[in-house]
């Protein structure tokens, strides 16, 4: 009996020790094409429900993810009475974190809200206030939340979270901590999600501290540096909106390869110095498409990042519908 109990305890410990995160990209771009805007899903691999990380494009990304086999647990048969797309949307997303109130980070949530199930939305005071006052206000869109003006349909429960305070993310089994970011005059935020002593970071839009005249990223790097030292951080998603030829005066609160590499250099120092970021996965998001003939900003950005990468990090550009496990 004792041997059986010990084996069970060891098995439980081992399952926690190798806990990982599943990440699905529902939208990977910033800017002008509405069908592929910033939106990711993350969950612990021992849980059913995902947390939405922004929601610029939701249903188009789910459709692409199904085409790519990113939701193997959903079939036409077990999705009934919904389509597989509907089943993922309604039954596998347990809530949303919205990093800031810009439309390209929440349009999918708003448009798809009439078909959604009851879920919590998490964000800072500024983000929750923007959702309540300027989107779900009965004029721009019906009020599908539990507060604010007009008829309250109550699909979404708005949860205002204070910076650097741990909170539970609904039924996803994840915990979260939110930190402020500077985005060209608009408050933005990063969330650090965790479970089983492992963590994953998602950044909303942010400019570099030097351009933003801010210390917000510096504060975030200190937190993530401690996560790396403790061998908890599995990876992060962060924007690089423009190639390096865009001047600082035209960044409007965004990053270029030059600035991201410089900021990650600061993270390296807080994480223990040279070599501390080796093999850390950094997912590049929010690339702004160009309408100029012959322009290829995504290719250019990734090439510039690789050329300047003396940190040993693994830069990854997920495409819509892709799934990675960390």
C-alpha atoms as a PDB file:
ATOM      1  CA  UNK A   1       0.000   0.000   0.000  1.00  0.00           C
ATOM      2  CA  UNK A   2       2.833   2.388   0.937  1.00  0.00           C
ATOM      3  CA  UNK A   3       4.674   1.595  -2.308  1.00  0.00           C
ATOM      4  CA  UNK A   4       1.504   2.282  -4.294  1.00  0.00           C
ATOM      5  CA  UNK A   5       0.970   5.592  -2.506  1.00  0.00           C
ATOM      6  CA  UNK A   6       4.600   6.606  -3.092  1.00  0.00           C
ATOM      7  CA  UNK A   7       4.357   5.746  -6.783  1.00  0.00           C
ATOM      8  CA  UNK A   8       1.180   7.814  -7.074  1.00  0.00           C
ATOM      9  CA  UNK A   9       2.845  10.775  -5.356  1.00  0.00           C
ATOM     10  CA  UNK A  10       5.857  10.536  -7.657  1.00  0.00           C
ATOM     11  CA  UNK A  11       3.610  10.350 -10.696  1.00  0.00           C
ATOM     12  CA  UNK A  12       1.738  13.470  -9.578  1.00  0.00           C
ATOM     13  CA  UNK A  13       5.004  15.285  -8.941  1.00  0.00           C
ATOM     14  CA  UNK A  14       6.354  14.279 -12.349  1.00  0.00           C
ATOM     15  CA  UNK A  15       3.202  15.467 -14.115  1.00  0.00           C
ATOM     16  CA  UNK A  16       3.567  18.846 -12.449  1.00  0.00           C
ATOM     17  CA  UNK A  17       7.294  19.049 -13.119  1.00  0.00           C
ATOM     18  CA  UNK A  18       6.815  18.658 -16.876  1.00  0.00           C
ATOM     19  CA  UNK A  19       3.719  20.825 -17.107  1.00  0.00           C
ATOM     20  CA  UNK A  20       3.631  22.797 -20.323  1.00  0.00           C
ATOM     21  CA  UNK A  21       1.566  25.407 -22.123  1.00  0.00           C
ATOM     22  CA  UNK A  22      -0.336  24.986 -25.387  1.00  0.00           C
ATOM     23  CA  UNK A  23      -0.448  28.169 -27.463  1.00  0.00           C
ATOM     24  CA  UNK A  24      -2.658  28.632 -30.542  1.00  0.00           C
ATOM     25  CA  UNK A  25      -2.353  31.710 -32.765  1.00  0.00           C
ATOM     26  CA  UNK A  26      -5.767  33.046 -33.789  1.00  0.00           C
ATOM     27  CA  UNK A  27      -4.326  36.278 -35.208  1.00  0.00           C
ATOM     28  CA  UNK A  28      -0.729  37.417 -35.580  1.00  0.00           C
ATOM     29  CA  UNK A  29      -0.752  40.829 -37.295  1.00  0.00           C
ATOM     30  CA  UNK A  30      -1.316  44.409 -36.287  1.00  0.00           C
ATOM     31  CA  UNK A  31      -2.997  46.954 -38.440  1.00  0.00           C
ATOM     32  CA  UNK A  32      -4.898  46.961 -41.605  1.00  0.00           C
ATOM     33  CA  UNK A  33      -6.166  43.440 -42.461  1.00  0.00           C
ATOM     34  CA  UNK A  34      -9.118  42.700 -40.206  1.00  0.00           C
ATOM     35  CA  UNK A  35      -9.140  38.892 -40.532  1.00  0.00           C
ATOM     36  CA  UNK A  36      -5.771  38.232 -38.854  1.00  0.00           C
ATOM     37  CA  UNK A  37      -5.377  40.625 -35.906  1.00  0.00           C
ATOM     38  CA  UNK A  38      -3.589  39.946 -32.631  1.00  0.00           C
ATOM     39  CA  UNK A  39      -5.202  37.086 -30.716  1.00  0.00           C
ATOM     40  CA  UNK A  40      -3.727  33.998 -29.069  1.00  0.00           C
ATOM     41  CA  UNK A  41      -4.980  31.187 -26.859  1.00  0.00           C
ATOM     42  CA  UNK A  42      -2.991  29.670 -23.995  1.00  0.00           C
ATOM     43  CA  UNK A  43      -3.754  26.812 -21.647  1.00  0.00           C
ATOM     44  CA  UNK A  44      -1.930  24.451 -19.356  1.00  0.00           C
ATOM     45  CA  UNK A  45      -1.588  21.060 -21.000  1.00  0.00           C
ATOM     46  CA  UNK A  46      -3.381  19.451 -18.052  1.00  0.00           C
ATOM     47  CA  UNK A  47      -6.475  21.639 -18.473  1.00  0.00           C
ATOM     48  CA  UNK A  48      -9.325  21.791 -21.004  1.00  0.00           C
ATOM     49  CA  UNK A  49      -9.985  25.529 -21.210  1.00  0.00           C
ATOM     50  CA  UNK A  50      -7.905  28.183 -22.950  1.00  0.00           C
ATOM     51  CA  UNK A  51      -7.420  31.787 -21.909  1.00  0.00           C
ATOM     52  CA  UNK A  52      -7.739  34.265 -24.768  1.00  0.00           C
ATOM     53  CA  UNK A  53      -4.797  36.663 -24.989  1.00  0.00           C
ATOM     54  CA  UNK A  54      -6.328  39.655 -26.763  1.00  0.00           C
ATOM     55  CA  UNK A  55      -9.068  39.093 -29.313  1.00  0.00           C
ATOM     56  CA  UNK A  56      -8.481  41.059 -32.509  1.00  0.00           C
ATOM     57  CA  UNK A  57      -9.596  38.144 -34.699  1.00  0.00           C
ATOM     58  CA  UNK A  58     -11.258  35.156 -33.054  1.00  0.00           C
ATOM     59  CA  UNK A  59     -13.540  33.078 -35.304  1.00  0.00           C
ATOM     60  CA  UNK A  60     -11.325  33.348 -38.439  1.00  0.00           C
ATOM     61  CA  UNK A  61      -8.370  32.120 -36.366  1.00  0.00           C
ATOM     62  CA  UNK A  62     -10.345  29.214 -34.951  1.00  0.00           C
ATOM     63  CA  UNK A  63     -11.345  28.206 -38.477  1.00  0.00           C
ATOM     64  CA  UNK A  64      -7.701  28.270 -39.589  1.00  0.00           C
ATOM     65  CA  UNK A  65      -6.641  26.369 -36.462  1.00  0.00           C
ATOM     66  CA  UNK A  66      -9.151  23.626 -37.198  1.00  0.00           C
ATOM     67  CA  UNK A  67      -7.820  23.383 -40.755  1.00  0.00           C
ATOM     68  CA  UNK A  68      -4.302  22.947 -39.357  1.00  0.00           C
ATOM     69  CA  UNK A  69      -5.302  20.362 -36.760  1.00  0.00           C
ATOM     70  CA  UNK A  70      -4.650  22.616 -33.769  1.00  0.00           C
ATOM     71  CA  UNK A  71      -7.829  21.494 -31.988  1.00  0.00           C
ATOM     72  CA  UNK A  72      -7.711  17.685 -32.398  1.00  0.00           C
ATOM     73  CA  UNK A  73     -10.121  17.165 -29.491  1.00  0.00           C
ATOM     74  CA  UNK A  74     -12.948  18.742 -31.518  1.00  0.00           C
ATOM     75  CA  UNK A  75     -14.665  16.779 -34.286  1.00  0.00           C
ATOM     76  CA  UNK A  76     -17.817  17.290 -36.321  1.00  0.00           C
ATOM     77  CA  UNK A  77     -19.469  14.536 -34.289  1.00  0.00           C
ATOM     78  CA  UNK A  78     -18.644  15.713 -30.777  1.00  0.00           C
ATOM     79  CA  UNK A  79     -19.143  19.398 -31.632  1.00  0.00           C
ATOM     80  CA  UNK A  80     -22.891  18.932 -32.171  1.00  0.00           C
ATOM     81  CA  UNK A  81     -25.169  20.843 -31.995  1.00  0.00           C
ATOM     82  CA  UNK A  82     -22.517  23.377 -33.054  1.00  0.00           C
ATOM     83  CA  UNK A  83     -19.982  23.399 -35.831  1.00  0.00           C
ATOM     84  CA  UNK A  84     -16.396  22.582 -34.770  1.00  0.00           C
ATOM     85  CA  UNK A  85     -15.663  26.306 -35.017  1.00  0.00           C
ATOM     86  CA  UNK A  86     -18.593  27.067 -32.738  1.00  0.00           C
ATOM     87  CA  UNK A  87     -17.613  24.356 -30.261  1.00  0.00           C
ATOM     88  CA  UNK A  88     -14.071  25.717 -29.884  1.00  0.00           C
ATOM     89  CA  UNK A  89     -15.352  29.277 -29.550  1.00  0.00           C
ATOM     90  CA  UNK A  90     -18.102  28.526 -27.052  1.00  0.00           C
ATOM     91  CA  UNK A  91     -16.691  25.592 -25.093  1.00  0.00           C
ATOM     92  CA  UNK A  92     -12.877  25.718 -25.131  1.00  0.00           C
ATOM     93  CA  UNK A  93     -12.243  29.414 -24.407  1.00  0.00           C
ATOM     94  CA  UNK A  94     -12.717  30.020 -20.698  1.00  0.00           C
ATOM     95  CA  UNK A  95     -12.149  33.779 -20.648  1.00  0.00           C
ATOM     96  CA  UNK A  96     -10.151  36.644 -22.111  1.00  0.00           C
ATOM     97  CA  UNK A  97      -7.317  38.925 -21.078  1.00  0.00           C
ATOM     98  CA  UNK A  98      -7.416  42.186 -23.046  1.00  0.00           C
ATOM     99  CA  UNK A  99      -4.138  44.124 -22.930  1.00  0.00           C
ATOM    100  CA  UNK A 100      -5.510  47.528 -23.937  1.00  0.00           C
ATOM    101  CA  UNK A 101      -8.474  49.174 -25.572  1.00  0.00           C
ATOM    102  CA  UNK A 102      -7.365  49.498 -29.201  1.00  0.00           C
ATOM    103  CA  UNK A 103      -9.753  48.008 -31.721  1.00  0.00           C
ATOM    104  CA  UNK A 104      -7.229  45.667 -33.368  1.00  0.00           C
ATOM    105  CA  UNK A 105      -6.920  43.821 -30.038  1.00  0.00           C
ATOM    106  CA  UNK A 106     -10.608  43.294 -29.282  1.00  0.00           C
ATOM    107  CA  UNK A 107     -12.653  43.572 -32.494  1.00  0.00           C
ATOM    108  CA  UNK A 108     -13.120  39.796 -32.725  1.00  0.00           C
ATOM    109  CA  UNK A 109     -14.450  39.629 -29.187  1.00  0.00           C
ATOM    110  CA  UNK A 110     -16.986  42.377 -29.851  1.00  0.00           C
ATOM    111  CA  UNK A 111     -18.232  41.105 -33.212  1.00  0.00           C
ATOM    112  CA  UNK A 112     -18.593  37.494 -32.051  1.00  0.00           C
ATOM    113  CA  UNK A 113     -20.155  38.326 -28.668  1.00  0.00           C
ATOM    114  CA  UNK A 114     -23.785  37.552 -29.684  1.00  0.00           C
ATOM    115  CA  UNK A 115     -22.850  33.869 -30.082  1.00  0.00           C
ATOM    116  CA  UNK A 116     -20.552  33.526 -27.051  1.00  0.00           C
ATOM    117  CA  UNK A 117     -21.158  31.805 -23.729  1.00  0.00           C
ATOM    118  CA  UNK A 118     -20.780  33.449 -20.309  1.00  0.00           C
ATOM    119  CA  UNK A 119     -17.112  34.251 -19.692  1.00  0.00           C
ATOM    120  CA  UNK A 120     -14.924  36.580 -17.642  1.00  0.00           C
ATOM    121  CA  UNK A 121     -12.828  39.349 -19.207  1.00  0.00           C
ATOM    122  CA  UNK A 122      -9.717  40.498 -17.349  1.00  0.00           C
ATOM    123  CA  UNK A 123      -7.827  43.739 -17.757  1.00  0.00           C
ATOM    124  CA  UNK A 124      -6.532  46.901 -16.163  1.00  0.00           C
ATOM    125  CA  UNK A 125      -8.782  49.711 -14.982  1.00  0.00           C
ATOM    126  CA  UNK A 126      -8.178  51.601 -18.227  1.00  0.00           C
ATOM    127  CA  UNK A 127      -8.972  48.600 -20.430  1.00  0.00           C
ATOM    128  CA  UNK A 128     -12.115  47.608 -18.543  1.00  0.00           C
ATOM    129  CA  UNK A 129     -13.262  51.231 -18.515  1.00  0.00           C
ATOM    130  CA  UNK A 130     -12.755  51.501 -22.273  1.00  0.00           C
ATOM    131  CA  UNK A 131     -14.755  48.321 -22.915  1.00  0.00           C
ATOM    132  CA  UNK A 132     -17.566  49.543 -20.688  1.00  0.00           C
ATOM    133  CA  UNK A 133     -17.756  53.145 -21.872  1.00  0.00           C
ATOM    134  CA  UNK A 134     -16.760  53.052 -25.534  1.00  0.00           C
ATOM    135  CA  UNK A 135     -17.652  49.628 -26.939  1.00  0.00           C
ATOM    136  CA  UNK A 136     -20.273  47.712 -24.925  1.00  0.00           C
ATOM    137  CA  UNK A 137     -22.347  50.841 -24.306  1.00  0.00           C
ATOM    138  CA  UNK A 138     -25.566  50.155 -26.208  1.00  0.00           C
ATOM    139  CA  UNK A 139     -24.606  52.579 -28.979  1.00  0.00           C
ATOM    140  CA  UNK A 140     -21.439  51.248 -30.610  1.00  0.00           C
ATOM    141  CA  UNK A 141     -22.521  47.688 -29.705  1.00  0.00           C
ATOM    142  CA  UNK A 142     -25.101  46.096 -27.392  1.00  0.00           C
ATOM    143  CA  UNK A 143     -23.914  45.787 -23.808  1.00  0.00           C
ATOM    144  CA  UNK A 144     -22.973  42.121 -23.528  1.00  0.00           C
ATOM    145  CA  UNK A 145     -21.304  42.767 -20.151  1.00  0.00           C
ATOM    146  CA  UNK A 146     -22.544  42.821 -16.569  1.00  0.00           C
ATOM    147  CA  UNK A 147     -22.007  46.548 -15.974  1.00  0.00           C
ATOM    148  CA  UNK A 148     -22.227  49.927 -17.641  1.00  0.00           C
ATOM    149  CA  UNK A 149     -25.033  51.674 -19.491  1.00  0.00           C
ATOM    150  CA  UNK A 150     -28.054  50.334 -21.341  1.00  0.00           C
ATOM    151  CA  UNK A 151     -29.545  46.857 -21.165  1.00  0.00           C
ATOM    152  CA  UNK A 152     -26.946  44.551 -19.578  1.00  0.00           C
ATOM    153  CA  UNK A 153     -27.059  41.212 -21.365  1.00  0.00           C
ATOM    154  CA  UNK A 154     -24.419  39.832 -19.008  1.00  0.00           C
ATOM    155  CA  UNK A 155     -22.496  37.459 -21.273  1.00  0.00           C
ATOM    156  CA  UNK A 156     -19.168  38.865 -20.062  1.00  0.00           C
ATOM    157  CA  UNK A 157     -18.172  39.523 -16.473  1.00  0.00           C
ATOM    158  CA  UNK A 158     -15.744  42.445 -16.426  1.00  0.00           C
ATOM    159  CA  UNK A 159     -12.869  41.970 -13.980  1.00  0.00           C
ATOM    160  CA  UNK A 160     -10.646  44.933 -13.179  1.00  0.00           C
ATOM    161  CA  UNK A 161      -7.266  43.757 -11.885  1.00  0.00           C
ATOM    162  CA  UNK A 162      -4.631  45.773 -10.052  1.00  0.00           C
ATOM    163  CA  UNK A 163      -0.991  45.635 -11.222  1.00  0.00           C
ATOM    164  CA  UNK A 164       1.303  42.959  -9.783  1.00  0.00           C
ATOM    165  CA  UNK A 165      -1.405  41.160  -7.841  1.00  0.00           C
ATOM    166  CA  UNK A 166      -1.907  37.446  -8.420  1.00  0.00           C
ATOM    167  CA  UNK A 167      -5.445  36.397  -9.347  1.00  0.00           C
ATOM    168  CA  UNK A 168      -7.216  33.300 -10.611  1.00  0.00           C
ATOM    169  CA  UNK A 169      -8.190  33.236 -14.291  1.00  0.00           C
ATOM    170  CA  UNK A 170     -11.603  31.650 -13.971  1.00  0.00           C
ATOM    171  CA  UNK A 171     -11.925  27.968 -14.819  1.00  0.00           C
ATOM    172  CA  UNK A 172      -8.728  27.809 -16.898  1.00  0.00           C
ATOM    173  CA  UNK A 173      -6.669  26.677 -13.905  1.00  0.00           C
ATOM    174  CA  UNK A 174      -4.222  29.504 -14.610  1.00  0.00           C
ATOM    175  CA  UNK A 175      -3.146  32.332 -12.330  1.00  0.00           C
ATOM    176  CA  UNK A 176      -2.268  35.770 -13.667  1.00  0.00           C
ATOM    177  CA  UNK A 177      -0.363  38.920 -12.792  1.00  0.00           C
ATOM    178  CA  UNK A 178      -0.701  42.093 -14.892  1.00  0.00           C
ATOM    179  CA  UNK A 179       1.967  44.771 -15.398  1.00  0.00           C
ATOM    180  CA  UNK A 180       1.605  48.180 -17.104  1.00  0.00           C
ATOM    181  CA  UNK A 181       3.208  48.997 -20.462  1.00  0.00           C
ATOM    182  CA  UNK A 182       3.617  52.279 -22.355  1.00  0.00           C
ATOM    183  CA  UNK A 183       2.087  52.455 -25.824  1.00  0.00           C
ATOM    184  CA  UNK A 184       2.478  55.916 -27.311  1.00  0.00           C
ATOM    185  CA  UNK A 185       0.250  57.602 -24.764  1.00  0.00           C
ATOM    186  CA  UNK A 186      -2.192  54.706 -24.441  1.00  0.00           C
ATOM    187  CA  UNK A 187      -1.963  52.487 -21.352  1.00  0.00           C
ATOM    188  CA  UNK A 188      -1.218  48.887 -22.298  1.00  0.00           C
ATOM    189  CA  UNK A 189      -0.284  45.822 -20.263  1.00  0.00           C
ATOM    190  CA  UNK A 190       1.494  42.483 -20.055  1.00  0.00           C
ATOM    191  CA  UNK A 191       0.138  39.383 -18.334  1.00  0.00           C
ATOM    192  CA  UNK A 192       2.258  36.671 -16.753  1.00  0.00           C
ATOM    193  CA  UNK A 193       0.220  33.461 -16.564  1.00  0.00           C
ATOM    194  CA  UNK A 194       1.335  30.583 -14.393  1.00  0.00           C
ATOM    195  CA  UNK A 195       0.478  27.059 -13.322  1.00  0.00           C
ATOM    196  CA  UNK A 196       2.409  24.289 -11.603  1.00  0.00           C
ATOM    197  CA  UNK A 197       5.434  26.542 -11.030  1.00  0.00           C
ATOM    198  CA  UNK A 198       5.709  27.351 -14.752  1.00  0.00           C
ATOM    199  CA  UNK A 199       4.937  30.673 -16.431  1.00  0.00           C
ATOM    200  CA  UNK A 200       4.333  32.291 -19.814  1.00  0.00           C
ATOM    201  CA  UNK A 201       4.269  36.017 -20.691  1.00  0.00           C
ATOM    202  CA  UNK A 202       2.082  37.863 -23.189  1.00  0.00           C
ATOM    203  CA  UNK A 203       2.751  41.504 -24.047  1.00  0.00           C
ATOM    204  CA  UNK A 204       0.221  43.952 -25.376  1.00  0.00           C
ATOM    205  CA  UNK A 205       1.516  46.720 -27.610  1.00  0.00           C
ATOM    206  CA  UNK A 206       4.545  48.495 -26.194  1.00  0.00           C
ATOM    207  CA  UNK A 207       7.223  50.930 -27.209  1.00  0.00           C
ATOM    208  CA  UNK A 208      10.805  50.862 -25.873  1.00  0.00           C
ATOM    209  CA  UNK A 209      11.402  52.605 -22.575  1.00  0.00           C
ATOM    210  CA  UNK A 210      13.897  55.020 -24.097  1.00  0.00           C
ATOM    211  CA  UNK A 211      11.411  56.295 -26.685  1.00  0.00           C
ATOM    212  CA  UNK A 212       8.412  56.162 -24.371  1.00  0.00           C
ATOM    213  CA  UNK A 213      10.263  57.952 -21.559  1.00  0.00           C
ATOM    214  CA  UNK A 214       9.105  55.148 -19.303  1.00  0.00           C
ATOM    215  CA  UNK A 215      10.424  52.493 -16.948  1.00  0.00           C
ATOM    216  CA  UNK A 216       7.567  50.062 -17.497  1.00  0.00           C
ATOM    217  CA  UNK A 217       9.532  47.560 -19.551  1.00  0.00           C
ATOM    218  CA  UNK A 218      12.412  47.768 -17.109  1.00  0.00           C
ATOM    219  CA  UNK A 219      10.041  46.754 -14.312  1.00  0.00           C
ATOM    220  CA  UNK A 220       8.715  43.868 -16.423  1.00  0.00           C
ATOM    221  CA  UNK A 221      12.223  42.628 -17.246  1.00  0.00           C
ATOM    222  CA  UNK A 222      13.033  42.509 -13.533  1.00  0.00           C
ATOM    223  CA  UNK A 223       9.999  40.278 -12.951  1.00  0.00           C
ATOM    224  CA  UNK A 224      10.769  38.015 -15.908  1.00  0.00           C
ATOM    225  CA  UNK A 225      14.440  37.921 -14.961  1.00  0.00           C
ATOM    226  CA  UNK A 226      13.447  36.355 -11.655  1.00  0.00           C
ATOM    227  CA  UNK A 227      11.210  33.888 -13.537  1.00  0.00           C
ATOM    228  CA  UNK A 228      14.162  32.852 -15.705  1.00  0.00           C
ATOM    229  CA  UNK A 229      16.505  32.500 -12.747  1.00  0.00           C
ATOM    230  CA  UNK A 230      13.959  30.202 -11.120  1.00  0.00           C
ATOM    231  CA  UNK A 231      13.639  28.233 -14.402  1.00  0.00           C
ATOM    232  CA  UNK A 232       9.917  28.947 -14.588  1.00  0.00           C
ATOM    233  CA  UNK A 233       9.490  31.041 -17.764  1.00  0.00           C
ATOM    234  CA  UNK A 234       8.602  28.824 -20.742  1.00  0.00           C
ATOM    235  CA  UNK A 235       8.365  31.589 -23.348  1.00  0.00           C
ATOM    236  CA  UNK A 236       6.834  34.921 -24.256  1.00  0.00           C
ATOM    237  CA  UNK A 237       4.842  36.661 -26.979  1.00  0.00           C
ATOM    238  CA  UNK A 238       5.877  40.219 -27.804  1.00  0.00           C
ATOM    239  CA  UNK A 239       5.290  42.627 -30.658  1.00  0.00           C
ATOM    240  CA  UNK A 240       7.719  43.818 -33.310  1.00  0.00           C
ATOM    241  CA  UNK A 241       5.525  45.979 -35.487  1.00  0.00           C
ATOM    242  CA  UNK A 242       7.983  47.593 -37.895  1.00  0.00           C
ATOM    243  CA  UNK A 243      11.341  46.944 -39.570  1.00  0.00           C
ATOM    244  CA  UNK A 244      14.333  48.992 -38.491  1.00  0.00           C
ATOM    245  CA  UNK A 245      13.974  51.613 -41.216  1.00  0.00           C
ATOM    246  CA  UNK A 246      10.968  53.147 -39.439  1.00  0.00           C
ATOM    247  CA  UNK A 247      12.200  56.149 -37.399  1.00  0.00           C
ATOM    248  CA  UNK A 248      11.487  56.459 -33.688  1.00  0.00           C
ATOM    249  CA  UNK A 249       9.174  59.400 -34.373  1.00  0.00           C
ATOM    250  CA  UNK A 250       6.895  57.118 -36.423  1.00  0.00           C
ATOM    251  CA  UNK A 251       6.763  54.134 -34.048  1.00  0.00           C
ATOM    252  CA  UNK A 252       3.653  55.341 -32.165  1.00  0.00           C
ATOM    253  CA  UNK A 253       4.350  53.089 -29.207  1.00  0.00           C
ATOM    254  CA  UNK A 254       5.714  50.029 -31.016  1.00  0.00           C
ATOM    255  CA  UNK A 255       8.964  48.063 -31.299  1.00  0.00           C
ATOM    256  CA  UNK A 256      11.431  47.392 -34.114  1.00  0.00           C
ATOM    257  CA  UNK A 257      14.028  44.592 -34.192  1.00  0.00           C
ATOM    258  CA  UNK A 258      16.695  47.022 -32.968  1.00  0.00           C
ATOM    259  CA  UNK A 259      14.611  48.067 -29.989  1.00  0.00           C
ATOM    260  CA  UNK A 260      13.428  44.575 -29.110  1.00  0.00           C
ATOM    261  CA  UNK A 261      16.998  43.258 -29.114  1.00  0.00           C
ATOM    262  CA  UNK A 262      18.089  46.147 -26.926  1.00  0.00           C
ATOM    263  CA  UNK A 263      15.226  45.558 -24.478  1.00  0.00           C
ATOM    264  CA  UNK A 264      15.924  41.809 -24.371  1.00  0.00           C
ATOM    265  CA  UNK A 265      19.515  42.705 -23.543  1.00  0.00           C
ATOM    266  CA  UNK A 266      18.162  44.387 -20.420  1.00  0.00           C
ATOM    267  CA  UNK A 267      16.194  41.240 -19.612  1.00  0.00           C
ATOM    268  CA  UNK A 268      19.393  39.211 -19.988  1.00  0.00           C
ATOM    269  CA  UNK A 269      21.115  41.304 -17.333  1.00  0.00           C
ATOM    270  CA  UNK A 270      18.280  40.805 -14.854  1.00  0.00           C
ATOM    271  CA  UNK A 271      18.154  37.087 -15.680  1.00  0.00           C
ATOM    272  CA  UNK A 272      21.791  36.501 -14.724  1.00  0.00           C
ATOM    273  CA  UNK A 273      23.945  37.974 -17.457  1.00  0.00           C
ATOM    274  CA  UNK A 274      25.433  36.604 -20.669  1.00  0.00           C
ATOM    275  CA  UNK A 275      23.867  33.331 -21.769  1.00  0.00           C
ATOM    276  CA  UNK A 276      20.873  33.632 -19.437  1.00  0.00           C
ATOM    277  CA  UNK A 277      18.394  33.816 -22.344  1.00  0.00           C
ATOM    278  CA  UNK A 278      19.838  30.913 -24.334  1.00  0.00           C
ATOM    279  CA  UNK A 279      17.029  28.929 -26.002  1.00  0.00           C
ATOM    280  CA  UNK A 280      14.260  31.144 -24.595  1.00  0.00           C
ATOM    281  CA  UNK A 281      11.387  31.122 -27.105  1.00  0.00           C
ATOM    282  CA  UNK A 282      10.273  34.607 -28.133  1.00  0.00           C
ATOM    283  CA  UNK A 283       7.186  34.648 -30.373  1.00  0.00           C
ATOM    284  CA  UNK A 284       7.061  37.719 -32.616  1.00  0.00           C
ATOM    285  CA  UNK A 285       3.587  39.212 -32.957  1.00  0.00           C
ATOM    286  CA  UNK A 286       1.737  42.267 -34.259  1.00  0.00           C
ATOM    287  CA  UNK A 287       3.728  42.716 -37.478  1.00  0.00           C
ATOM    288  CA  UNK A 288       2.130  45.546 -39.428  1.00  0.00           C
ATOM    289  CA  UNK A 289       1.352  44.528 -43.030  1.00  0.00           C
ATOM    290  CA  UNK A 290       2.409  46.950 -45.755  1.00  0.00           C
ATOM    291  CA  UNK A 291       0.387  48.025 -48.778  1.00  0.00           C
ATOM    292  CA  UNK A 292       3.528  49.083 -50.647  1.00  0.00           C
ATOM    293  CA  UNK A 293       4.360  46.999 -53.698  1.00  0.00           C
ATOM    294  CA  UNK A 294       7.279  44.653 -53.047  1.00  0.00           C
ATOM    295  CA  UNK A 295       7.371  45.264 -49.300  1.00  0.00           C
ATOM    296  CA  UNK A 296       7.796  42.205 -47.058  1.00  0.00           C
ATOM    297  CA  UNK A 297       7.873  43.506 -43.467  1.00  0.00           C
ATOM    298  CA  UNK A 298       7.527  40.090 -41.838  1.00  0.00           C
ATOM    299  CA  UNK A 299      10.513  38.658 -43.690  1.00  0.00           C
ATOM    300  CA  UNK A 300      12.526  41.810 -43.088  1.00  0.00           C
ATOM    301  CA  UNK A 301      11.779  41.877 -39.374  1.00  0.00           C
ATOM    302  CA  UNK A 302      12.705  38.235 -38.839  1.00  0.00           C
ATOM    303  CA  UNK A 303      15.942  38.647 -40.784  1.00  0.00           C
ATOM    304  CA  UNK A 304      16.904  41.701 -38.754  1.00  0.00           C
ATOM    305  CA  UNK A 305      16.161  39.919 -35.500  1.00  0.00           C
ATOM    306  CA  UNK A 306      18.259  36.912 -36.452  1.00  0.00           C
ATOM    307  CA  UNK A 307      21.134  39.080 -37.653  1.00  0.00           C
ATOM    308  CA  UNK A 308      21.324  40.934 -34.351  1.00  0.00           C
ATOM    309  CA  UNK A 309      20.616  37.950 -32.130  1.00  0.00           C
ATOM    310  CA  UNK A 310      23.648  37.600 -29.868  1.00  0.00           C
ATOM    311  CA  UNK A 311      21.420  36.541 -26.970  1.00  0.00           C
ATOM    312  CA  UNK A 312      20.798  32.941 -28.005  1.00  0.00           C
ATOM    313  CA  UNK A 313      17.006  33.337 -27.949  1.00  0.00           C
ATOM    314  CA  UNK A 314      14.765  31.438 -30.362  1.00  0.00           C
ATOM    315  CA  UNK A 315      12.721  33.913 -32.389  1.00  0.00           C
ATOM    316  CA  UNK A 316       9.528  32.310 -33.700  1.00  0.00           C
ATOM    317  CA  UNK A 317       6.917  33.782 -36.010  1.00  0.00           C
ATOM    318  CA  UNK A 318       3.683  31.814 -35.635  1.00  0.00           C
ATOM    319  CA  UNK A 319       1.181  31.948 -38.472  1.00  0.00           C
ATOM    320  CA  UNK A 320      -2.574  32.089 -38.008  1.00  0.00           C
ATOM    321  CA  UNK A 321      -3.885  28.728 -36.843  1.00  0.00           C
ATOM    322  CA  UNK A 322      -0.495  27.394 -35.695  1.00  0.00           C
ATOM    323  CA  UNK A 323      -0.152  25.579 -32.365  1.00  0.00           C
ATOM    324  CA  UNK A 324       2.981  25.285 -30.234  1.00  0.00           C
ATOM    325  CA  UNK A 325       3.597  23.526 -26.949  1.00  0.00           C
ATOM    326  CA  UNK A 326       6.103  24.930 -24.467  1.00  0.00           C
END
